Amino acid sequence: MSNDMTDFNSEDIIKKEARGLGDDSDFGEVQEILGEFIITQKGTVDKERYYFPKSLVERFDGDTVYFKVTKEEAKPHKRD
């Protein structure tokens, strides 16, 4: 089973919901693809941005991009 992004175009995931493992792992919405990173943003006032390597994508169902990380595991990928 492949975990890379060859199943869909990177542009297809822009403005799609970003989630991880567990019910509380909401990473907002995919904002852009920058090299090997997928940048997500959550919030409108207190914005949280995450820079996830493409290798962390588990799947994309057409509406949501799922990453192979929990909210806790995502902390090193968070940027202010």
N, C-alpha and C. Protein backbone atom coordinates (compact mmCIF):
# COMPACT_ATOMS: atom_id res chain seq x y z
N MET A 1 0.84 -1.19 0.00
CA MET A 1 0.00 0.00 0.00
C MET A 1 0.88 1.24 0.00
N SER A 2 0.62 2.15 -0.88
CA SER A 2 1.42 3.35 -1.03
C SER A 2 0.92 4.45 -0.10
N ASN A 3 1.84 5.16 0.53
CA ASN A 3 1.48 6.28 1.38
C ASN A 3 1.91 7.60 0.78
N ASP A 4 2.31 7.60 -0.49
CA ASP A 4 2.75 8.87 -1.07
C ASP A 4 1.56 9.59 -1.69
N MET A 5 1.83 10.72 -2.31
CA MET A 5 0.75 11.55 -2.82
C MET A 5 0.46 11.30 -4.29
N THR A 6 0.90 10.18 -4.85
CA THR A 6 0.69 9.93 -6.27
C THR A 6 -0.76 9.58 -6.60
N ASP A 7 -1.59 9.36 -5.60
CA ASP A 7 -2.99 9.03 -5.83
C ASP A 7 -3.81 10.24 -6.29
N PHE A 8 -3.28 11.47 -6.09
CA PHE A 8 -4.00 12.68 -6.44
C PHE A 8 -2.99 13.81 -6.67
N ASN A 9 -3.43 14.87 -7.31
CA ASN A 9 -2.58 16.03 -7.52
C ASN A 9 -2.49 16.86 -6.25
N SER A 10 -1.33 17.41 -5.99
CA SER A 10 -1.15 18.25 -4.81
C SER A 10 -2.14 19.40 -4.78
N GLU A 11 -2.46 19.95 -5.94
CA GLU A 11 -3.39 21.08 -6.02
C GLU A 11 -4.79 20.69 -5.55
N ASP A 12 -5.12 19.41 -5.63
CA ASP A 12 -6.45 18.94 -5.23
C ASP A 12 -6.69 19.09 -3.73
N ILE A 13 -5.63 19.18 -2.93
CA ILE A 13 -5.82 19.23 -1.48
C ILE A 13 -5.83 20.66 -0.92
N ILE A 14 -5.55 21.67 -1.77
CA ILE A 14 -5.60 23.05 -1.30
C ILE A 14 -7.03 23.39 -0.89
N LYS A 15 -7.15 24.06 0.26
CA LYS A 15 -8.44 24.46 0.84
C LYS A 15 -9.27 23.27 1.34
N LYS A 16 -8.62 22.13 1.55
CA LYS A 16 -9.32 20.96 2.10
C LYS A 16 -8.99 20.85 3.59
N GLU A 17 -9.88 20.21 4.32
CA GLU A 17 -9.71 20.00 5.75
C GLU A 17 -8.49 19.11 6.01
N ALA A 18 -7.77 19.41 7.10
CA ALA A 18 -6.58 18.64 7.49
C ALA A 18 -6.80 18.05 8.87
N ARG A 19 -6.69 16.72 8.97
CA ARG A 19 -6.91 16.03 10.24
C ARG A 19 -5.79 15.03 10.48
N GLY A 20 -5.69 14.62 11.73
CA GLY A 20 -4.69 13.62 12.09
C GLY A 20 -5.34 12.46 12.80
N LEU A 21 -4.55 11.74 13.57
CA LEU A 21 -5.05 10.59 14.32
C LEU A 21 -5.72 11.07 15.60
N GLY A 22 -6.90 10.58 15.87
CA GLY A 22 -7.63 10.98 17.08
C GLY A 22 -8.65 12.06 16.79
N ASP A 23 -9.66 12.14 17.65
CA ASP A 23 -10.76 13.07 17.44
C ASP A 23 -10.36 14.53 17.60
N ASP A 24 -9.30 14.81 18.37
CA ASP A 24 -8.93 16.19 18.64
C ASP A 24 -7.81 16.71 17.74
N SER A 25 -7.49 15.97 16.70
CA SER A 25 -6.38 16.36 15.83
C SER A 25 -6.87 17.09 14.59
N ASP A 26 -7.37 18.30 14.81
CA ASP A 26 -7.84 19.16 13.73
C ASP A 26 -6.74 20.15 13.42
N PHE A 27 -6.20 20.10 12.20
CA PHE A 27 -5.10 20.98 11.82
C PHE A 27 -5.56 22.08 10.87
N GLY A 28 -6.86 22.31 10.83
CA GLY A 28 -7.40 23.40 10.03
C GLY A 28 -7.58 23.02 8.58
N GLU A 29 -7.04 23.87 7.71
CA GLU A 29 -7.23 23.73 6.27
C GLU A 29 -5.87 23.82 5.57
N VAL A 30 -5.70 23.02 4.54
CA VAL A 30 -4.46 23.08 3.75
C VAL A 30 -4.41 24.42 3.04
N GLN A 31 -3.31 25.16 3.23
CA GLN A 31 -3.14 26.48 2.62
C GLN A 31 -2.31 26.44 1.36
N GLU A 32 -1.22 25.67 1.41
CA GLU A 32 -0.34 25.61 0.25
C GLU A 32 0.60 24.42 0.34
N ILE A 33 1.23 24.13 -0.79
CA ILE A 33 2.26 23.10 -0.87
C ILE A 33 3.56 23.85 -1.13
N LEU A 34 4.55 23.64 -0.27
CA LEU A 34 5.83 24.33 -0.40
C LEU A 34 6.93 23.28 -0.42
N GLY A 35 7.39 22.95 -1.59
CA GLY A 35 8.41 21.90 -1.73
C GLY A 35 7.87 20.57 -1.25
N GLU A 36 8.53 20.02 -0.25
CA GLU A 36 8.11 18.73 0.31
C GLU A 36 7.17 18.88 1.50
N PHE A 37 6.68 20.10 1.73
CA PHE A 37 5.82 20.35 2.89
C PHE A 37 4.42 20.76 2.48
N ILE A 38 3.47 20.32 3.31
CA ILE A 38 2.08 20.74 3.18
C ILE A 38 1.83 21.67 4.35
N ILE A 39 1.41 22.89 4.05
CA ILE A 39 1.20 23.89 5.09
C ILE A 39 -0.28 24.00 5.37
N THR A 40 -0.65 23.81 6.65
CA THR A 40 -2.04 23.94 7.06
C THR A 40 -2.16 25.12 8.01
N GLN A 41 -3.37 25.64 8.12
CA GLN A 41 -3.62 26.75 9.04
C GLN A 41 -4.95 26.53 9.73
N LYS A 42 -4.94 26.77 11.04
CA LYS A 42 -6.16 26.63 11.85
C LYS A 42 -6.40 27.95 12.56
N GLY A 43 -7.64 28.39 12.56
CA GLY A 43 -8.00 29.62 13.26
C GLY A 43 -7.99 30.83 12.37
N THR A 44 -8.69 31.89 12.82
CA THR A 44 -8.74 33.12 12.06
C THR A 44 -8.02 34.26 12.78
N VAL A 45 -8.10 34.29 14.10
CA VAL A 45 -7.42 35.33 14.86
C VAL A 45 -6.08 34.80 15.38
N ASP A 46 -6.14 33.78 16.21
CA ASP A 46 -4.93 33.13 16.71
C ASP A 46 -4.61 31.97 15.77
N LYS A 47 -3.89 32.27 14.72
CA LYS A 47 -3.63 31.28 13.68
C LYS A 47 -2.53 30.31 14.10
N GLU A 48 -2.80 29.04 13.89
CA GLU A 48 -1.82 27.99 14.10
C GLU A 48 -1.46 27.44 12.74
N ARG A 49 -0.18 27.47 12.40
CA ARG A 49 0.27 26.94 11.11
C ARG A 49 1.13 25.70 11.36
N TYR A 50 0.90 24.70 10.55
CA TYR A 50 1.66 23.46 10.63
C TYR A 50 2.35 23.21 9.29
N TYR A 51 3.59 22.74 9.36
CA TYR A 51 4.37 22.39 8.18
C TYR A 51 4.61 20.88 8.23
N PHE A 52 3.77 20.12 7.54
CA PHE A 52 3.88 18.67 7.55
C PHE A 52 4.62 18.18 6.31
N PRO A 53 5.60 17.29 6.49
CA PRO A 53 6.22 16.66 5.32
C PRO A 53 5.16 15.84 4.57
N LYS A 54 5.26 15.82 3.27
CA LYS A 54 4.31 15.04 2.47
C LYS A 54 4.29 13.57 2.88
N SER A 55 5.40 13.09 3.40
CA SER A 55 5.49 11.68 3.81
C SER A 55 4.54 11.34 4.95
N LEU A 56 4.00 12.35 5.65
CA LEU A 56 3.07 12.10 6.75
C LEU A 56 1.62 11.97 6.30
N VAL A 57 1.36 12.15 5.02
CA VAL A 57 -0.01 11.99 4.53
C VAL A 57 -0.38 10.51 4.55
N GLU A 58 -1.49 10.23 5.20
CA GLU A 58 -1.99 8.86 5.24
C GLU A 58 -2.91 8.60 4.05
N ARG A 59 -3.86 9.55 3.85
CA ARG A 59 -4.80 9.39 2.73
C ARG A 59 -5.52 10.71 2.49
N PHE A 60 -6.20 10.77 1.35
CA PHE A 60 -7.04 11.90 0.99
C PHE A 60 -8.32 11.33 0.42
N ASP A 61 -9.45 11.69 1.03
CA ASP A 61 -10.73 11.10 0.60
C ASP A 61 -11.54 12.02 -0.32
N GLY A 62 -10.91 13.09 -0.80
CA GLY A 62 -11.61 14.03 -1.65
C GLY A 62 -12.05 15.28 -0.92
N ASP A 63 -12.25 15.18 0.40
CA ASP A 63 -12.65 16.31 1.22
C ASP A 63 -11.67 16.61 2.35
N THR A 64 -11.00 15.56 2.83
CA THR A 64 -10.12 15.70 3.99
C THR A 64 -8.78 15.02 3.73
N VAL A 65 -7.72 15.72 4.14
CA VAL A 65 -6.37 15.14 4.09
C VAL A 65 -6.09 14.61 5.48
N TYR A 66 -5.73 13.34 5.57
CA TYR A 66 -5.43 12.71 6.86
C TYR A 66 -3.92 12.52 6.99
N PHE A 67 -3.38 13.01 8.11
CA PHE A 67 -1.96 12.87 8.41
C PHE A 67 -1.75 11.80 9.46
N LYS A 68 -0.60 11.15 9.41
CA LYS A 68 -0.27 10.04 10.32
C LYS A 68 0.36 10.57 11.60
N VAL A 69 -0.27 11.56 12.24
CA VAL A 69 0.23 12.11 13.50
C VAL A 69 -0.94 12.45 14.41
N THR A 70 -0.68 12.39 15.70
CA THR A 70 -1.66 12.84 16.69
C THR A 70 -1.43 14.34 16.93
N LYS A 71 -2.30 14.94 17.69
CA LYS A 71 -2.14 16.36 18.02
C LYS A 71 -0.81 16.57 18.75
N GLU A 72 -0.47 15.67 19.64
CA GLU A 72 0.79 15.76 20.39
C GLU A 72 2.00 15.61 19.47
N GLU A 73 1.95 14.64 18.56
CA GLU A 73 3.05 14.40 17.62
C GLU A 73 3.21 15.54 16.61
N ALA A 74 2.17 16.35 16.42
CA ALA A 74 2.22 17.45 15.46
C ALA A 74 2.92 18.69 16.01
N LYS A 75 3.12 18.75 17.32
CA LYS A 75 3.70 19.96 17.94
C LYS A 75 5.04 20.38 17.31
N PRO A 76 5.96 19.47 16.99
CA PRO A 76 7.21 19.92 16.36
C PRO A 76 7.03 20.53 14.97
N HIS A 77 5.88 20.30 14.35
CA HIS A 77 5.62 20.82 13.02
C HIS A 77 4.90 22.16 13.05
N LYS A 78 4.57 22.63 14.25
CA LYS A 78 3.82 23.87 14.41
C LYS A 78 4.77 25.07 14.34
N ARG A 79 4.34 26.10 13.61
CA ARG A 79 5.10 27.34 13.48
C ARG A 79 4.21 28.51 13.90
N ASP A 80 4.83 29.49 14.52
CA ASP A 80 4.08 30.70 14.92
C ASP A 80 4.21 31.78 13.88
